[in-house]
Amino acid sequence: MDAISPHDLIMADRVTDTPVFNRAGERIGRIDNLSIDKVSGEVVYALLSFGGFLGIGDKLHPLPWARLEYDVEKGGYVVPLSKEQLQAAPALDREDLEDLGAGASWRDGVGAYYGSLGPY
């Protein structure tokens, strides 16, 4: 629970468009969407958007949900990664989003990248 909401749960539409910051406090993007496991119902990835202009030309970076930490004072999520690390991460164009859920090989690549950056 946080100071803004007395509840442990949050609606997905309140998560989308939430800003994402690095530990230095620099705003590095926003959450565009969530990827949810159909069977367990758990959020697997936050699809981070940065770059582009008005949503044109930006890539979506699937960021493991466990890498995000909500900061009440910032009103957004904080990641222990630099903007450069996130820019180098696996990314998808909007029209390729189905590939994220299509097969284990893509998810394995995302897991391998973030796993190489340390535990979370």
PDB file of N, CA and C in Angstrom:
ATOM      1  N   MET A   1       0.845  -1.178   0.000  1.00  0.00           N
ATOM      2  CA  MET A   1       0.000   0.000   0.000  1.00  0.00           C
ATOM      3  C   MET A   1       0.890   1.240   0.000  1.00  0.00           C
ATOM      4  N   ASP A   2       0.393   2.310  -0.567  1.00  0.00           N
ATOM      5  CA  ASP A   2       1.140   3.557  -0.576  1.00  0.00           C
ATOM      6  C   ASP A   2       0.270   4.684  -0.044  1.00  0.00           C
ATOM      7  N   ALA A   3       0.848   5.872   0.019  1.00  0.00           N
ATOM      8  CA  ALA A   3       0.138   7.016   0.590  1.00  0.00           C
ATOM      9  C   ALA A   3      -1.028   7.483  -0.268  1.00  0.00           C
ATOM     10  N   ILE A   4      -0.984   7.176  -1.563  1.00  0.00           N
ATOM     11  CA  ILE A   4      -2.026   7.646  -2.471  1.00  0.00           C
ATOM     12  C   ILE A   4      -3.241   6.722  -2.445  1.00  0.00           C
ATOM     13  N   SER A   5      -3.000   5.427  -2.337  1.00  0.00           N
ATOM     14  CA  SER A   5      -4.089   4.464  -2.390  1.00  0.00           C
ATOM     15  C   SER A   5      -4.003   3.511  -1.206  1.00  0.00           C
ATOM     16  N   PRO A   6      -5.110   3.260  -0.550  1.00  0.00           N
ATOM     17  CA  PRO A   6      -5.108   2.330   0.574  1.00  0.00           C
ATOM     18  C   PRO A   6      -5.180   0.865   0.136  1.00  0.00           C
ATOM     19  N   HIS A   7      -5.084   0.602  -1.169  1.00  0.00           N
ATOM     20  CA  HIS A   7      -5.260  -0.750  -1.690  1.00  0.00           C
ATOM     21  C   HIS A   7      -3.940  -1.349  -2.154  1.00  0.00           C
ATOM     22  N   ASP A   8      -3.845  -2.680  -2.074  1.00  0.00           N
ATOM     23  CA  ASP A   8      -2.665  -3.393  -2.556  1.00  0.00           C
ATOM     24  C   ASP A   8      -2.712  -3.611  -4.062  1.00  0.00           C
ATOM     25  N   LEU A   9      -3.884  -3.502  -4.660  1.00  0.00           N
ATOM     26  CA  LEU A   9      -4.045  -3.746  -6.086  1.00  0.00           C
ATOM     27  C   LEU A   9      -4.212  -2.438  -6.839  1.00  0.00           C
ATOM     28  N   ILE A  10      -3.830  -2.467  -8.123  1.00  0.00           N
ATOM     29  CA  ILE A  10      -3.970  -1.281  -8.960  1.00  0.00           C
ATOM     30  C   ILE A  10      -4.564  -1.709 -10.300  1.00  0.00           C
ATOM     31  N   MET A  11      -5.402  -0.884 -10.856  1.00  0.00           N
ATOM     32  CA  MET A  11      -5.989  -1.164 -12.159  1.00  0.00           C
ATOM     33  C   MET A  11      -4.952  -0.898 -13.251  1.00  0.00           C
ATOM     34  N   ALA A  12      -4.983  -1.721 -14.294  1.00  0.00           N
ATOM     35  CA  ALA A  12      -4.008  -1.601 -15.379  1.00  0.00           C
ATOM     36  C   ALA A  12      -4.029  -0.228 -16.021  1.00  0.00           C
ATOM     37  N   ASP A  13      -5.207   0.376 -16.140  1.00  0.00           N
ATOM     38  CA  ASP A  13      -5.264   1.685 -16.799  1.00  0.00           C
ATOM     39  C   ASP A  13      -4.617   2.789 -15.964  1.00  0.00           C
ATOM     40  N   ARG A  14      -4.377   2.529 -14.679  1.00  0.00           N
ATOM     41  CA  ARG A  14      -3.645   3.495 -13.849  1.00  0.00           C
ATOM     42  C   ARG A  14      -2.146   3.298 -13.979  1.00  0.00           C
ATOM     43  N   VAL A  15      -1.715   2.145 -14.475  1.00  0.00           N
ATOM     44  CA  VAL A  15      -0.293   1.872 -14.655  1.00  0.00           C
ATOM     45  C   VAL A  15       0.186   2.433 -15.994  1.00  0.00           C
ATOM     46  N   THR A  16      -0.635   2.284 -17.040  1.00  0.00           N
ATOM     47  CA  THR A  16      -0.222   2.792 -18.350  1.00  0.00           C
ATOM     48  C   THR A  16      -0.058   4.304 -18.286  1.00  0.00           C
ATOM     49  N   ASP A  17       0.934   4.771 -18.972  1.00  0.00           N
ATOM     50  CA  ASP A  17       1.353   6.172 -19.009  1.00  0.00           C
ATOM     51  C   ASP A  17       2.042   6.641 -17.735  1.00  0.00           C
ATOM     52  N   THR A  18       2.284   5.757 -16.799  1.00  0.00           N
ATOM     53  CA  THR A  18       3.026   6.126 -15.598  1.00  0.00           C
ATOM     54  C   THR A  18       4.487   6.327 -15.976  1.00  0.00           C
ATOM     55  N   PRO A  19       5.110   7.409 -15.499  1.00  0.00           N
ATOM     56  CA  PRO A  19       6.506   7.651 -15.845  1.00  0.00           C
ATOM     57  C   PRO A  19       7.442   6.623 -15.206  1.00  0.00           C
ATOM     58  N   VAL A  20       8.585   6.431 -15.867  1.00  0.00           N
ATOM     59  CA  VAL A  20       9.638   5.545 -15.368  1.00  0.00           C
ATOM     60  C   VAL A  20      10.904   6.381 -15.245  1.00  0.00           C
ATOM     61  N   PHE A  21      11.568   6.253 -14.109  1.00  0.00           N
ATOM     62  CA  PHE A  21      12.772   7.009 -13.796  1.00  0.00           C
ATOM     63  C   PHE A  21      13.941   6.058 -13.549  1.00  0.00           C
ATOM     64  N   ASN A  22      15.157   6.552 -13.740  1.00  0.00           N
ATOM     65  CA  ASN A  22      16.313   5.778 -13.293  1.00  0.00           C
ATOM     66  C   ASN A  22      16.599   6.189 -11.850  1.00  0.00           C
ATOM     67  N   ARG A  23      17.591   5.576 -11.237  1.00  0.00           N
ATOM     68  CA  ARG A  23      17.865   5.865  -9.820  1.00  0.00           C
ATOM     69  C   ARG A  23      18.370   7.292  -9.602  1.00  0.00           C
ATOM     70  N   ALA A  24      18.888   7.912 -10.655  1.00  0.00           N
ATOM     71  CA  ALA A  24      19.355   9.301 -10.547  1.00  0.00           C
ATOM     72  C   ALA A  24      18.192  10.285 -10.592  1.00  0.00           C
ATOM     73  N   GLY A  25      16.968   9.789 -10.814  1.00  0.00           N
ATOM     74  CA  GLY A  25      15.798  10.638 -10.855  1.00  0.00           C
ATOM     75  C   GLY A  25      15.452  11.170 -12.236  1.00  0.00           C
ATOM     76  N   GLU A  26      16.213  10.745 -13.260  1.00  0.00           N
ATOM     77  CA  GLU A  26      15.947  11.178 -14.628  1.00  0.00           C
ATOM     78  C   GLU A  26      14.757  10.402 -15.184  1.00  0.00           C
ATOM     79  N   ARG A  27      13.796  11.124 -15.732  1.00  0.00           N
ATOM     80  CA  ARG A  27      12.657  10.450 -16.380  1.00  0.00           C
ATOM     81  C   ARG A  27      13.155   9.852 -17.690  1.00  0.00           C
ATOM     82  N   ILE A  28      12.997   8.536 -17.835  1.00  0.00           N
ATOM     83  CA  ILE A  28      13.550   7.875 -19.018  1.00  0.00           C
ATOM     84  C   ILE A  28      12.484   7.298 -19.939  1.00  0.00           C
ATOM     85  N   GLY A  29      11.257   7.343 -19.556  1.00  0.00           N
ATOM     86  CA  GLY A  29      10.198   6.815 -20.405  1.00  0.00           C
ATOM     87  C   GLY A  29       8.898   6.716 -19.646  1.00  0.00           C
ATOM     88  N   ARG A  30       8.002   5.897 -20.211  1.00  0.00           N
ATOM     89  CA  ARG A  30       6.698   5.686 -19.589  1.00  0.00           C
ATOM     90  C   ARG A  30       6.249   4.265 -19.879  1.00  0.00           C
ATOM     91  N   ILE A  31       5.343   3.772 -19.062  1.00  0.00           N
ATOM     92  CA  ILE A  31       4.785   2.448 -19.297  1.00  0.00           C
ATOM     93  C   ILE A  31       3.672   2.593 -20.327  1.00  0.00           C
ATOM     94  N   ASP A  32       3.840   1.895 -21.440  1.00  0.00           N
ATOM     95  CA  ASP A  32       2.873   1.955 -22.531  1.00  0.00           C
ATOM     96  C   ASP A  32       1.782   0.904 -22.361  1.00  0.00           C
ATOM     97  N   ASN A  33       2.168  -0.252 -21.855  1.00  0.00           N
ATOM     98  CA  ASN A  33       1.222  -1.351 -21.748  1.00  0.00           C
ATOM     99  C   ASN A  33       1.802  -2.389 -20.798  1.00  0.00           C
ATOM    100  N   LEU A  34       1.028  -3.410 -20.512  1.00  0.00           N
ATOM    101  CA  LEU A  34       1.470  -4.519 -19.663  1.00  0.00           C
ATOM    102  C   LEU A  34       1.295  -5.822 -20.413  1.00  0.00           C
ATOM    103  N   SER A  35       2.181  -6.762 -20.148  1.00  0.00           N
ATOM    104  CA  SER A  35       2.059  -8.113 -20.691  1.00  0.00           C
ATOM    105  C   SER A  35       1.738  -9.026 -19.510  1.00  0.00           C
ATOM    106  N   ILE A  36       0.598  -9.719 -19.590  1.00  0.00           N
ATOM    107  CA  ILE A  36       0.096 -10.523 -18.475  1.00  0.00           C
ATOM    108  C   ILE A  36       0.034 -11.986 -18.878  1.00  0.00           C
ATOM    109  N   ASP A  37       0.535 -12.855 -18.023  1.00  0.00           N
ATOM    110  CA  ASP A  37       0.470 -14.289 -18.274  1.00  0.00           C
ATOM    111  C   ASP A  37      -0.988 -14.731 -18.196  1.00  0.00           C
ATOM    112  N   LYS A  38      -1.471 -15.388 -19.244  1.00  0.00           N
ATOM    113  CA  LYS A  38      -2.885 -15.798 -19.303  1.00  0.00           C
ATOM    114  C   LYS A  38      -3.273 -16.771 -18.205  1.00  0.00           C
ATOM    115  N   VAL A  39      -2.360 -17.664 -17.842  1.00  0.00           N
ATOM    116  CA  VAL A  39      -2.699 -18.705 -16.880  1.00  0.00           C
ATOM    117  C   VAL A  39      -2.591 -18.206 -15.443  1.00  0.00           C
ATOM    118  N   SER A  40      -1.456 -17.607 -15.086  1.00  0.00           N
ATOM    119  CA  SER A  40      -1.249 -17.186 -13.695  1.00  0.00           C
ATOM    120  C   SER A  40      -1.886 -15.840 -13.389  1.00  0.00           C
ATOM    121  N   GLY A  41      -2.090 -15.013 -14.421  1.00  0.00           N
ATOM    122  CA  GLY A  41      -2.624 -13.676 -14.213  1.00  0.00           C
ATOM    123  C   GLY A  41      -1.581 -12.680 -13.744  1.00  0.00           C
ATOM    124  N   GLU A  42      -0.330 -13.099 -13.656  1.00  0.00           N
ATOM    125  CA  GLU A  42       0.735 -12.209 -13.197  1.00  0.00           C
ATOM    126  C   GLU A  42       1.238 -11.313 -14.320  1.00  0.00           C
ATOM    127  N   VAL A  43       1.576 -10.082 -13.960  1.00  0.00           N
ATOM    128  CA  VAL A  43       2.206  -9.185 -14.919  1.00  0.00           C
ATOM    129  C   VAL A  43       3.633  -9.688 -15.133  1.00  0.00           C
ATOM    130  N   VAL A  44       3.993  -9.932 -16.385  1.00  0.00           N
ATOM    131  CA  VAL A  44       5.330 -10.421 -16.709  1.00  0.00           C
ATOM    132  C   VAL A  44       6.227  -9.264 -17.122  1.00  0.00           C
ATOM    133  N   TYR A  45       5.723  -8.421 -18.028  1.00  0.00           N
ATOM    134  CA  TYR A  45       6.503  -7.296 -18.527  1.00  0.00           C
ATOM    135  C   TYR A  45       5.703  -6.006 -18.472  1.00  0.00           C
ATOM    136  N   ALA A  46       6.412  -4.939 -18.198  1.00  0.00           N
ATOM    137  CA  ALA A  46       5.906  -3.599 -18.459  1.00  0.00           C
ATOM    138  C   ALA A  46       6.526  -3.220 -19.790  1.00  0.00           C
ATOM    139  N   LEU A  47       5.725  -2.770 -20.728  1.00  0.00           N
ATOM    140  CA  LEU A  47       6.249  -2.367 -22.025  1.00  0.00           C
ATOM    141  C   LEU A  47       6.621  -0.896 -21.933  1.00  0.00           C
ATOM    142  N   LEU A  48       7.911  -0.657 -21.849  1.00  0.00           N
ATOM    143  CA  LEU A  48       8.443   0.683 -21.674  1.00  0.00           C
ATOM    144  C   LEU A  48       8.584   1.376 -23.014  1.00  0.00           C
ATOM    145  N   SER A  49       8.112   2.603 -23.085  1.00  0.00           N
ATOM    146  CA  SER A  49       8.199   3.397 -24.305  1.00  0.00           C
ATOM    147  C   SER A  49       9.051   4.621 -24.025  1.00  0.00           C
ATOM    148  N   PHE A  50       9.984   4.895 -24.914  1.00  0.00           N
ATOM    149  CA  PHE A  50      10.731   6.145 -24.875  1.00  0.00           C
ATOM    150  C   PHE A  50      11.272   6.399 -26.269  1.00  0.00           C
ATOM    151  N   GLY A  51      11.546   7.640 -26.544  1.00  0.00           N
ATOM    152  CA  GLY A  51      11.966   7.991 -27.891  1.00  0.00           C
ATOM    153  C   GLY A  51      10.759   8.224 -28.770  1.00  0.00           C
ATOM    154  N   GLY A  52      11.004   8.479 -30.027  1.00  0.00           N
ATOM    155  CA  GLY A  52       9.909   8.737 -30.951  1.00  0.00           C
ATOM    156  C   GLY A  52       9.254  10.070 -30.657  1.00  0.00           C
ATOM    157  N   PHE A  53       8.237  10.372 -31.415  1.00  0.00           N
ATOM    158  CA  PHE A  53       7.501  11.626 -31.251  1.00  0.00           C
ATOM    159  C   PHE A  53       6.019  11.311 -31.363  1.00  0.00           C
ATOM    160  N   LEU A  54       5.285  11.589 -30.304  1.00  0.00           N
ATOM    161  CA  LEU A  54       3.842  11.317 -30.253  1.00  0.00           C
ATOM    162  C   LEU A  54       3.527   9.860 -30.581  1.00  0.00           C
ATOM    163  N   GLY A  55       4.398   8.963 -30.105  1.00  0.00           N
ATOM    164  CA  GLY A  55       4.180   7.535 -30.327  1.00  0.00           C
ATOM    165  C   GLY A  55       4.643   7.031 -31.671  1.00  0.00           C
ATOM    166  N   ILE A  56       5.176   7.921 -32.526  1.00  0.00           N
ATOM    167  CA  ILE A  56       5.639   7.512 -33.849  1.00  0.00           C
ATOM    168  C   ILE A  56       7.136   7.266 -33.773  1.00  0.00           C
ATOM    169  N   GLY A  57       7.544   6.087 -34.195  1.00  0.00           N
ATOM    170  CA  GLY A  57       8.962   5.769 -34.228  1.00  0.00           C
ATOM    171  C   GLY A  57       9.525   5.248 -32.923  1.00  0.00           C
ATOM    172  N   ASP A  58       8.693   5.174 -31.886  1.00  0.00           N
ATOM    173  CA  ASP A  58       9.229   4.642 -30.642  1.00  0.00           C
ATOM    174  C   ASP A  58       9.172   3.129 -30.647  1.00  0.00           C
ATOM    175  N   LYS A  59      10.062   2.542 -29.914  1.00  0.00           N
ATOM    176  CA  LYS A  59      10.116   1.097 -29.737  1.00  0.00           C
ATOM    177  C   LYS A  59       9.537   0.785 -28.361  1.00  0.00           C
ATOM    178  N   LEU A  60       9.027  -0.411 -28.208  1.00  0.00           N
ATOM    179  CA  LEU A  60       8.535  -0.872 -26.917  1.00  0.00           C
ATOM    180  C   LEU A  60       9.535  -1.873 -26.371  1.00  0.00           C
ATOM    181  N   HIS A  61       9.995  -1.608 -25.168  1.00  0.00           N
ATOM    182  CA  HIS A  61      11.008  -2.443 -24.524  1.00  0.00           C
ATOM    183  C   HIS A  61      10.344  -3.243 -23.409  1.00  0.00           C
ATOM    184  N   PRO A  62      10.200  -4.563 -23.581  1.00  0.00           N
ATOM    185  CA  PRO A  62       9.617  -5.383 -22.519  1.00  0.00           C
ATOM    186  C   PRO A  62      10.575  -5.431 -21.326  1.00  0.00           C
ATOM    187  N   LEU A  63      10.172  -4.840 -20.246  1.00  0.00           N
ATOM    188  CA  LEU A  63      10.975  -4.772 -19.034  1.00  0.00           C
ATOM    189  C   LEU A  63      10.355  -5.700 -17.997  1.00  0.00           C
ATOM    190  N   PRO A  64      11.120  -6.677 -17.483  1.00  0.00           N
ATOM    191  CA  PRO A  64      10.529  -7.564 -16.470  1.00  0.00           C
ATOM    192  C   PRO A  64       9.917  -6.754 -15.322  1.00  0.00           C
ATOM    193  N   TRP A  65       8.685  -7.074 -14.999  1.00  0.00           N
ATOM    194  CA  TRP A  65       7.949  -6.355 -13.968  1.00  0.00           C
ATOM    195  C   TRP A  65       8.729  -6.296 -12.659  1.00  0.00           C
ATOM    196  N   ALA A  66       9.460  -7.358 -12.352  1.00  0.00           N
ATOM    197  CA  ALA A  66      10.209  -7.415 -11.103  1.00  0.00           C
ATOM    198  C   ALA A  66      11.315  -6.362 -11.032  1.00  0.00           C
ATOM    199  N   ARG A  67      11.692  -5.773 -12.165  1.00  0.00           N
ATOM    200  CA  ARG A  67      12.727  -4.729 -12.181  1.00  0.00           C
ATOM    201  C   ARG A  67      12.184  -3.365 -11.757  1.00  0.00           C
ATOM    202  N   LEU A  68      10.871  -3.210 -11.710  1.00  0.00           N
ATOM    203  CA  LEU A  68      10.257  -1.926 -11.380  1.00  0.00           C
ATOM    204  C   LEU A  68       9.959  -1.808  -9.893  1.00  0.00           C
ATOM    205  N   GLU A  69      10.186  -0.623  -9.375  1.00  0.00           N
ATOM    206  CA  GLU A  69       9.858  -0.337  -7.980  1.00  0.00           C
ATOM    207  C   GLU A  69       9.067   0.965  -7.960  1.00  0.00           C
ATOM    208  N   TYR A  70       7.884   0.955  -7.375  1.00  0.00           N
ATOM    209  CA  TYR A  70       7.067   2.167  -7.363  1.00  0.00           C
ATOM    210  C   TYR A  70       7.588   3.148  -6.325  1.00  0.00           C
ATOM    211  N   ASP A  71       7.705   4.412  -6.708  1.00  0.00           N
ATOM    212  CA  ASP A  71       8.148   5.480  -5.822  1.00  0.00           C
ATOM    213  C   ASP A  71       6.997   6.472  -5.681  1.00  0.00           C
ATOM    214  N   VAL A  72       6.416   6.520  -4.501  1.00  0.00           N
ATOM    215  CA  VAL A  72       5.257   7.373  -4.246  1.00  0.00           C
ATOM    216  C   VAL A  72       5.592   8.839  -4.477  1.00  0.00           C
ATOM    217  N   GLU A  73       6.750   9.277  -4.004  1.00  0.00           N
ATOM    218  CA  GLU A  73       7.123  10.687  -4.140  1.00  0.00           C
ATOM    219  C   GLU A  73       7.277  11.113  -5.597  1.00  0.00           C
ATOM    220  N   LYS A  74       7.788  10.218  -6.437  1.00  0.00           N
ATOM    221  CA  LYS A  74       7.950  10.533  -7.851  1.00  0.00           C
ATOM    222  C   LYS A  74       6.653  10.328  -8.630  1.00  0.00           C
ATOM    223  N   GLY A  75       5.743   9.549  -8.071  1.00  0.00           N
ATOM    224  CA  GLY A  75       4.513   9.229  -8.791  1.00  0.00           C
ATOM    225  C   GLY A  75       4.791   8.371 -10.004  1.00  0.00           C
ATOM    226  N   GLY A  76       5.823   7.537  -9.898  1.00  0.00           N
ATOM    227  CA  GLY A  76       6.196   6.676 -11.017  1.00  0.00           C
ATOM    228  C   GLY A  76       7.079   5.536 -10.547  1.00  0.00           C
ATOM    229  N   TYR A  77       7.524   4.755 -11.516  1.00  0.00           N
ATOM    230  CA  TYR A  77       8.354   3.599 -11.235  1.00  0.00           C
ATOM    231  C   TYR A  77       9.824   3.946 -11.423  1.00  0.00           C
ATOM    232  N   VAL A  78      10.668   3.305 -10.634  1.00  0.00           N
ATOM    233  CA  VAL A  78      12.109   3.491 -10.711  1.00  0.00           C
ATOM    234  C   VAL A  78      12.730   2.158 -11.107  1.00  0.00           C
ATOM    235  N   VAL A  79      13.696   2.220 -12.027  1.00  0.00           N
ATOM    236  CA  VAL A  79      14.427   1.028 -12.430  1.00  0.00           C
ATOM    237  C   VAL A  79      15.903   1.221 -12.107  1.00  0.00           C
ATOM    238  N   PRO A  80      16.587   0.147 -11.717  1.00  0.00           N
ATOM    239  CA  PRO A  80      18.005   0.248 -11.375  1.00  0.00           C
ATOM    240  C   PRO A  80      18.897   0.139 -12.611  1.00  0.00           C
ATOM    241  N   LEU A  81      18.468   0.762 -13.690  1.00  0.00           N
ATOM    242  CA  LEU A  81      19.178   0.657 -14.958  1.00  0.00           C
ATOM    243  C   LEU A  81      19.342   2.041 -15.569  1.00  0.00           C
ATOM    244  N   SER A  82      20.356   2.189 -16.383  1.00  0.00           N
ATOM    245  CA  SER A  82      20.556   3.461 -17.077  1.00  0.00           C
ATOM    246  C   SER A  82      19.697   3.494 -18.341  1.00  0.00           C
ATOM    247  N   LYS A  83      19.513   4.683 -18.861  1.00  0.00           N
ATOM    248  CA  LYS A  83      18.779   4.835 -20.110  1.00  0.00           C
ATOM    249  C   LYS A  83      19.489   4.066 -21.223  1.00  0.00           C
ATOM    250  N   GLU A  84      20.824   4.070 -21.208  1.00  0.00           N
ATOM    251  CA  GLU A  84      21.603   3.357 -22.225  1.00  0.00           C
ATOM    252  C   GLU A  84      21.372   1.849 -22.144  1.00  0.00           C
ATOM    253  N   GLN A  85      21.305   1.313 -20.929  1.00  0.00           N
ATOM    254  CA  GLN A  85      21.036  -0.119 -20.774  1.00  0.00           C
ATOM    255  C   GLN A  85      19.651  -0.465 -21.308  1.00  0.00           C
ATOM    256  N   LEU A  86      18.673   0.384 -21.037  1.00  0.00           N
ATOM    257  CA  LEU A  86      17.319   0.131 -21.529  1.00  0.00           C
ATOM    258  C   LEU A  86      17.241   0.275 -23.045  1.00  0.00           C
ATOM    259  N   GLN A  87      17.965   1.259 -23.601  1.00  0.00           N
ATOM    260  CA  GLN A  87      17.959   1.433 -25.053  1.00  0.00           C
ATOM    261  C   GLN A  87      18.601   0.244 -25.760  1.00  0.00           C
ATOM    262  N   ALA A  88      19.549  -0.417 -25.110  1.00  0.00           N
ATOM    263  CA  ALA A  88      20.228  -1.573 -25.699  1.00  0.00           C
ATOM    264  C   ALA A  88      19.429  -2.868 -25.529  1.00  0.00           C
ATOM    265  N   ALA A  89      18.382  -2.819 -24.737  1.00  0.00           N
ATOM    266  CA  ALA A  89      17.573  -4.009 -24.453  1.00  0.00           C
ATOM    267  C   ALA A  89      16.763  -4.427 -25.681  1.00  0.00           C
ATOM    268  N   PRO A  90      16.337  -5.683 -25.719  1.00  0.00           N
ATOM    269  CA  PRO A  90      15.458  -6.132 -26.808  1.00  0.00           C
ATOM    270  C   PRO A  90      14.228  -5.235 -26.900  1.00  0.00           C
ATOM    271  N   ALA A  91      13.823  -4.928 -28.128  1.00  0.00           N
ATOM    272  CA  ALA A  91      12.690  -4.024 -28.340  1.00  0.00           C
ATOM    273  C   ALA A  91      11.851  -4.504 -29.517  1.00  0.00           C
ATOM    274  N   LEU A  92      10.612  -4.072 -29.510  1.00  0.00           N
ATOM    275  CA  LEU A  92       9.661  -4.419 -30.567  1.00  0.00           C
ATOM    276  C   LEU A  92       9.016  -3.166 -31.122  1.00  0.00           C
ATOM    277  N   ASP A  93       8.675  -3.202 -32.406  1.00  0.00           N
ATOM    278  CA  ASP A  93       7.819  -2.176 -32.979  1.00  0.00           C
ATOM    279  C   ASP A  93       6.393  -2.526 -32.561  1.00  0.00           C
ATOM    280  N   ARG A  94       5.521  -1.557 -32.561  1.00  0.00           N
ATOM    281  CA  ARG A  94       4.126  -1.808 -32.163  1.00  0.00           C
ATOM    282  C   ARG A  94       3.483  -2.937 -32.971  1.00  0.00           C
ATOM    283  N   GLU A  95       3.784  -2.988 -34.272  1.00  0.00           N
ATOM    284  CA  GLU A  95       3.161  -4.021 -35.102  1.00  0.00           C
ATOM    285  C   GLU A  95       3.732  -5.416 -34.839  1.00  0.00           C
ATOM    286  N   ASP A  96       4.835  -5.502 -34.090  1.00  0.00           N
ATOM    287  CA  ASP A  96       5.453  -6.793 -33.795  1.00  0.00           C
ATOM    288  C   ASP A  96       5.161  -7.285 -32.380  1.00  0.00           C
ATOM    289  N   LEU A  97       4.221  -6.646 -31.687  1.00  0.00           N
ATOM    290  CA  LEU A  97       3.948  -7.011 -30.298  1.00  0.00           C
ATOM    291  C   LEU A  97       3.542  -8.467 -30.110  1.00  0.00           C
ATOM    292  N   GLU A  98       2.884  -9.045 -31.084  1.00  0.00           N
ATOM    293  CA  GLU A  98       2.450 -10.440 -30.945  1.00  0.00           C
ATOM    294  C   GLU A  98       3.652 -11.369 -30.786  1.00  0.00           C
ATOM    295  N   ASP A  99       4.830 -10.972 -31.294  1.00  0.00           N
ATOM    296  CA  ASP A  99       6.023 -11.797 -31.156  1.00  0.00           C
ATOM    297  C   ASP A  99       6.414 -11.997 -29.698  1.00  0.00           C
ATOM    298  N   LEU A 100       6.075 -11.046 -28.843  1.00  0.00           N
ATOM    299  CA  LEU A 100       6.421 -11.152 -27.431  1.00  0.00           C
ATOM    300  C   LEU A 100       5.778 -12.377 -26.801  1.00  0.00           C
ATOM    301  N   GLY A 101       4.544 -12.654 -27.157  1.00  0.00           N
ATOM    302  CA  GLY A 101       3.849 -13.796 -26.585  1.00  0.00           C
ATOM    303  C   GLY A 101       3.864 -15.025 -27.456  1.00  0.00           C
ATOM    304  N   ALA A 102       4.508 -14.924 -28.636  1.00  0.00           N
ATOM    305  CA  ALA A 102       4.426 -16.014 -29.605  1.00  0.00           C
ATOM    306  C   ALA A 102       5.338 -17.186 -29.302  1.00  0.00           C
ATOM    307  N   GLY A 103       6.431 -16.960 -28.657  1.00  0.00           N
ATOM    308  CA  GLY A 103       7.327 -18.080 -28.447  1.00  0.00           C
ATOM    309  C   GLY A 103       8.339 -17.833 -27.352  1.00  0.00           C
ATOM    310  N   ALA A 104       8.838 -18.926 -26.822  1.00  0.00           N
ATOM    311  CA  ALA A 104       9.788 -18.854 -25.722  1.00  0.00           C
ATOM    312  C   ALA A 104      11.106 -18.228 -26.139  1.00  0.00           C
ATOM    313  N   SER A 105      11.488 -18.336 -27.416  1.00  0.00           N
ATOM    314  CA  SER A 105      12.799 -17.824 -27.819  1.00  0.00           C
ATOM    315  C   SER A 105      12.896 -16.316 -27.612  1.00  0.00           C
ATOM    316  N   TRP A 106      11.844 -15.571 -27.925  1.00  0.00           N
ATOM    317  CA  TRP A 106      11.892 -14.121 -27.726  1.00  0.00           C
ATOM    318  C   TRP A 106      11.961 -13.798 -26.244  1.00  0.00           C
ATOM    319  N   ARG A 107      11.132 -14.467 -25.463  1.00  0.00           N
ATOM    320  CA  ARG A 107      11.142 -14.241 -24.011  1.00  0.00           C
ATOM    321  C   ARG A 107      12.477 -14.645 -23.410  1.00  0.00           C
ATOM    322  N   ASP A 108      13.080 -15.717 -23.923  1.00  0.00           N
ATOM    323  CA  ASP A 108      14.390 -16.137 -23.421  1.00  0.00           C
ATOM    324  C   ASP A 108      15.432 -15.060 -23.665  1.00  0.00           C
ATOM    325  N   GLY A 109      15.352 -14.392 -24.819  1.00  0.00           N
ATOM    326  CA  GLY A 109      16.278 -13.310 -25.125  1.00  0.00           C
ATOM    327  C   GLY A 109      16.128 -12.136 -24.177  1.00  0.00           C
ATOM    328  N   VAL A 110      14.895 -11.793 -23.854  1.00  0.00           N
ATOM    329  CA  VAL A 110      14.635 -10.705 -22.909  1.00  0.00           C
ATOM    330  C   VAL A 110      15.172 -11.104 -21.534  1.00  0.00           C
ATOM    331  N   GLY A 111      14.875 -12.321 -21.111  1.00  0.00           N
ATOM    332  CA  GLY A 111      15.351 -12.793 -19.809  1.00  0.00           C
ATOM    333  C   GLY A 111      16.869 -12.836 -19.733  1.00  0.00           C
ATOM    334  N   ALA A 112      17.506 -13.270 -20.803  1.00  0.00           N
ATOM    335  CA  ALA A 112      18.972 -13.340 -20.827  1.00  0.00           C
ATOM    336  C   ALA A 112      19.578 -11.945 -20.726  1.00  0.00           C
ATOM    337  N   TYR A 113      18.991 -10.976 -21.436  1.00  0.00           N
ATOM    338  CA  TYR A 113      19.536  -9.618 -21.395  1.00  0.00           C
ATOM    339  C   TYR A 113      19.459  -9.048 -19.984  1.00  0.00           C
ATOM    340  N   TYR A 114      18.271  -9.063 -19.386  1.00  0.00           N
ATOM    341  CA  TYR A 114      18.122  -8.478 -18.065  1.00  0.00           C
ATOM    342  C   TYR A 114      18.821  -9.303 -16.992  1.00  0.00           C
ATOM    343  N   GLY A 115      18.906 -10.607 -17.184  1.00  0.00           N
ATOM    344  CA  GLY A 115      19.638 -11.455 -16.246  1.00  0.00           C
ATOM    345  C   GLY A 115      21.119 -11.118 -16.220  1.00  0.00           C
ATOM    346  N   SER A 116      21.653 -10.679 -17.355  1.00  0.00           N
ATOM    347  CA  SER A 116      23.075 -10.325 -17.413  1.00  0.00           C
ATOM    348  C   SER A 116      23.373  -9.028 -16.666  1.00  0.00           C
ATOM    349  N   LEU A 117      22.339  -8.271 -16.325  1.00  0.00           N
ATOM    350  CA  LEU A 117      22.531  -6.995 -15.632  1.00  0.00           C
ATOM    351  C   LEU A 117      22.466  -7.129 -14.114  1.00  0.00           C
ATOM    352  N   GLY A 118      22.375  -8.345 -13.629  1.00  0.00           N
ATOM    353  CA  GLY A 118      22.363  -8.562 -12.185  1.00  0.00           C
ATOM    354  C   GLY A 118      21.023  -9.062 -11.694  1.00  0.00           C
ATOM    355  N   PRO A 119      20.992  -9.486 -10.429  1.00  0.00           N
ATOM    356  CA  PRO A 119      19.762 -10.059  -9.871  1.00  0.00           C
ATOM    357  C   PRO A 119      18.671  -9.016  -9.686  1.00  0.00           C
ATOM    358  N   TYR A 120      17.449  -9.527  -9.697  1.00  0.00           N
ATOM    359  CA  TYR A 120      16.279  -8.682  -9.401  1.00  0.00           C
ATOM    360  C   TYR A 120      15.207  -9.521  -8.800  1.00  0.00           C
TER     361      TYR A 120
END
